[in-house]
Amino acid sequence: SNTVKSTPTPVLPPTPTPAADLVLKNAVEKTAKLKGLSFELTGDPMAKKIEGTLDRKGALTLVKEGVVTVTDTSRNTEVLDVSAVPFNFDSLGATLSGIATALQDPVDAKSAYINNLKRRGVSGTVLGSDLTGLIPTAVADASVTVSLWFDERGRIRRIQIEGAVTAEDASDTVRVLDVGDF
């Protein structure tokens, strides 16, 4: 008899989604290398919206050279000198990478749509002292929730900081910084 033995089909276990801390570790490495960046910051109590770019040498260009256009909730626009804004965008890739390193107790955050693509997020607690690279006036012992979302290569594309970071912030302050390629 010519009985053909059938080869059992191997069952492939589903690929486990990497744990939040591994996603963070990858993001730290990838994001630190980011040089040319565009960015948009919203939700800061002082500056409702700041947009700009960093070229490959890390030089900062705000949408208007040296000035920040601040649009408040009643749609009034005022132009501030960049030095009046409590933010530091120098070496932004390295700064974001440092914040990711400082994230305590990382857990998965709700996915976010960034440029129409669904992105994975990780959330955790960060102290103000870990945010001073980005927000120089951060209160050192402030404890805030930081969420990070990543692109398909694991680079940080959005950071959301919830809570009072500076002495002037309301407790419900939420800042969102979107970062893209330049």
Protein backbone atom coordinates (compact mmCIF):
# COMPACT_ATOMS: atom_id res chain seq x y z
CA SER A 1 0.00 0.00 0.00
CA ASN A 2 1.26 3.48 -0.93
CA THR A 3 0.20 5.37 2.16
CA VAL A 4 1.73 8.84 2.04
CA LYS A 5 2.53 10.14 5.46
CA SER A 6 1.32 13.69 5.75
CA THR A 7 3.72 16.07 7.37
CA PRO A 8 2.02 17.84 10.24
CA THR A 9 1.71 21.57 9.66
CA PRO A 10 3.83 23.35 12.25
CA VAL A 11 1.77 25.55 14.49
CA LEU A 12 3.42 28.93 14.81
CA PRO A 13 2.83 30.57 18.15
CA PRO A 14 1.78 34.21 17.79
CA THR A 15 4.68 36.61 18.07
CA PRO A 16 4.44 38.15 21.50
CA THR A 17 4.16 41.91 21.57
CA PRO A 18 7.34 43.21 23.19
CA ALA A 19 6.83 44.37 26.75
CA ALA A 20 6.52 48.09 27.43
CA ASP A 21 10.03 48.28 28.90
CA LEU A 22 11.58 46.67 25.81
CA VAL A 23 9.71 49.06 23.53
CA LEU A 24 11.09 51.91 25.65
CA LYS A 25 14.65 50.57 25.51
CA ASN A 26 14.46 50.42 21.71
CA ALA A 27 12.98 53.94 21.59
CA VAL A 28 15.81 55.30 23.73
CA GLU A 29 18.40 54.03 21.25
CA LYS A 30 16.50 55.08 18.11
CA THR A 31 15.37 58.50 19.34
CA ALA A 32 18.77 59.56 20.66
CA LYS A 33 20.05 59.46 17.07
CA LEU A 34 17.33 61.74 15.68
CA LYS A 35 18.86 64.93 14.34
CA GLY A 36 16.75 66.80 11.79
CA LEU A 37 13.32 67.18 13.33
CA SER A 38 10.15 69.15 12.95
CA PHE A 39 8.09 69.67 16.07
CA GLU A 40 4.85 71.12 17.28
CA LEU A 41 4.10 71.77 20.92
CA THR A 42 0.55 72.38 22.11
CA GLY A 43 -1.10 72.83 25.48
CA ASP A 44 1.60 74.79 27.26
CA PRO A 45 -0.07 77.40 29.50
CA MET A 46 2.47 80.04 28.40
CA ALA A 47 2.56 79.19 24.70
CA LYS A 48 -0.51 77.47 23.29
CA LYS A 49 1.36 76.33 20.19
CA ILE A 50 5.00 76.37 19.11
CA GLU A 51 6.15 74.94 15.81
CA GLY A 52 9.62 74.73 14.43
CA THR A 53 12.39 72.62 12.99
CA LEU A 54 15.84 71.51 14.08
CA ASP A 55 18.27 70.94 11.25
CA ARG A 56 20.85 68.13 11.26
CA LYS A 57 23.27 70.34 13.17
CA GLY A 58 20.63 70.94 15.82
CA ALA A 59 20.05 74.57 14.83
CA LEU A 60 16.58 75.71 15.78
CA THR A 61 14.25 77.43 13.34
CA LEU A 62 10.88 78.42 14.66
CA VAL A 63 8.15 78.90 12.13
CA LYS A 64 8.94 82.61 12.27
CA GLU A 65 12.63 83.19 12.79
CA GLY A 66 13.38 83.94 16.45
CA VAL A 67 9.77 84.51 17.39
CA VAL A 68 7.04 82.26 18.64
CA THR A 69 3.48 82.88 17.63
CA VAL A 70 1.29 82.20 20.60
CA THR A 71 -2.39 81.65 19.97
CA ASP A 72 -4.49 81.62 23.11
CA THR A 73 -7.86 79.95 23.56
CA SER A 74 -9.79 83.03 22.42
CA ARG A 75 -7.79 82.95 19.18
CA ASN A 76 -5.75 86.04 20.03
CA THR A 77 -2.31 85.80 18.55
CA GLU A 78 0.67 87.40 20.16
CA VAL A 79 4.26 87.14 19.05
CA LEU A 80 6.83 86.36 21.69
CA ASP A 81 10.56 86.33 21.50
CA VAL A 82 11.79 82.74 21.58
CA SER A 83 13.71 83.43 24.79
CA ALA A 84 10.38 84.11 26.52
CA VAL A 85 9.23 80.54 26.04
CA PRO A 86 10.08 78.12 28.84
CA PHE A 87 11.24 75.36 26.53
CA ASN A 88 14.52 74.01 25.31
CA PHE A 89 14.44 72.33 21.92
CA ASP A 90 18.22 71.84 21.61
CA SER A 91 19.25 68.21 21.02
CA LEU A 92 15.59 67.27 21.15
CA GLY A 93 16.22 63.65 20.14
CA ALA A 94 18.63 63.15 23.03
CA THR A 95 16.29 64.96 25.43
CA LEU A 96 13.31 62.76 24.52
CA SER A 97 15.54 59.71 24.77
CA GLY A 98 16.55 60.79 28.29
CA ILE A 99 12.89 61.23 29.30
CA ALA A 100 12.14 57.72 27.98
CA THR A 101 15.03 56.37 30.07
CA ALA A 102 13.61 58.05 33.17
CA LEU A 103 10.06 56.68 32.73
CA GLN A 104 9.13 54.71 35.85
CA ASP A 105 6.76 51.70 35.88
CA PRO A 106 6.08 51.73 32.12
CA VAL A 107 2.74 50.30 31.01
CA ASP A 108 0.98 50.23 27.65
CA ALA A 109 -0.91 53.41 26.86
CA LYS A 110 -3.93 53.73 24.60
CA SER A 111 -2.90 53.76 20.93
CA ALA A 112 -2.91 57.15 19.25
CA TYR A 113 -3.39 58.10 15.63
CA ILE A 114 -0.45 60.19 14.42
CA ASN A 115 -0.59 61.26 10.76
CA ASN A 116 -3.48 58.81 10.28
CA LEU A 117 -1.43 55.83 11.46
CA LYS A 118 -2.23 53.96 14.64
CA ARG A 119 0.75 54.08 16.98
CA ARG A 120 1.66 52.13 20.08
CA GLY A 121 2.16 54.05 23.30
CA VAL A 122 3.83 53.56 26.64
CA SER A 123 2.99 55.50 29.78
CA GLY A 124 4.71 55.98 33.12
CA THR A 125 5.70 58.42 35.82
CA VAL A 126 8.49 60.96 35.42
CA LEU A 127 9.89 63.44 37.91
CA GLY A 128 10.28 67.11 37.07
CA SER A 129 14.05 66.75 37.47
CA ASP A 130 14.00 64.38 34.45
CA LEU A 131 12.12 66.97 32.35
CA THR A 132 14.44 69.96 32.86
CA GLY A 133 16.20 69.20 29.55
CA LEU A 134 12.92 70.05 27.82
CA ILE A 135 11.27 72.36 30.36
CA PRO A 136 14.09 74.16 32.22
CA THR A 137 11.70 75.61 34.83
CA ALA A 138 10.32 72.19 35.83
CA VAL A 139 9.92 71.71 39.59
CA ALA A 140 12.43 68.97 40.48
CA ASP A 141 10.12 66.87 42.68
CA ALA A 142 6.98 67.28 40.55
CA SER A 143 5.63 63.86 39.60
CA VAL A 144 3.80 63.74 36.27
CA THR A 145 2.42 61.13 33.89
CA VAL A 146 4.31 60.95 30.62
CA SER A 147 3.05 59.00 27.62
CA LEU A 148 5.19 58.31 24.56
CA TRP A 149 4.07 57.05 21.15
CA PHE A 150 6.40 55.50 18.58
CA ASP A 151 6.64 55.09 14.82
CA GLU A 152 7.14 51.73 13.08
CA ARG A 153 10.89 52.00 13.68
CA GLY A 154 10.40 52.60 17.38
CA ARG A 155 11.28 56.29 17.39
CA ILE A 156 9.36 58.61 19.68
CA ARG A 157 6.85 60.63 17.66
CA ARG A 158 4.69 62.12 20.41
CA ILE A 159 5.18 62.86 24.07
CA GLN A 160 2.32 63.88 26.32
CA ILE A 161 3.05 65.32 29.75
CA GLU A 162 0.07 65.39 32.12
CA GLY A 163 0.22 67.42 35.30
CA ALA A 164 1.86 70.46 36.82
CA VAL A 165 5.49 70.60 35.72
CA THR A 166 6.35 74.23 36.53
CA ALA A 167 5.31 76.21 39.59
CA GLU A 168 2.78 78.17 37.51
CA ASP A 169 1.03 75.15 35.97
CA ALA A 170 -2.49 74.11 36.85
CA SER A 171 -2.77 70.50 38.00
CA ASP A 172 -4.72 69.61 34.85
CA THR A 173 -2.12 70.98 32.42
CA VAL A 174 -1.50 68.68 29.45
CA ARG A 175 1.34 69.41 27.03
CA VAL A 176 1.71 67.47 23.79
CA LEU A 177 4.87 67.55 21.72
CA ASP A 178 4.69 65.99 18.25
CA VAL A 179 7.97 65.22 16.55
CA GLY A 180 8.50 64.37 12.89
CA ASP A 181 11.23 64.17 10.29
CA PHE A 182 12.45 67.41 8.85
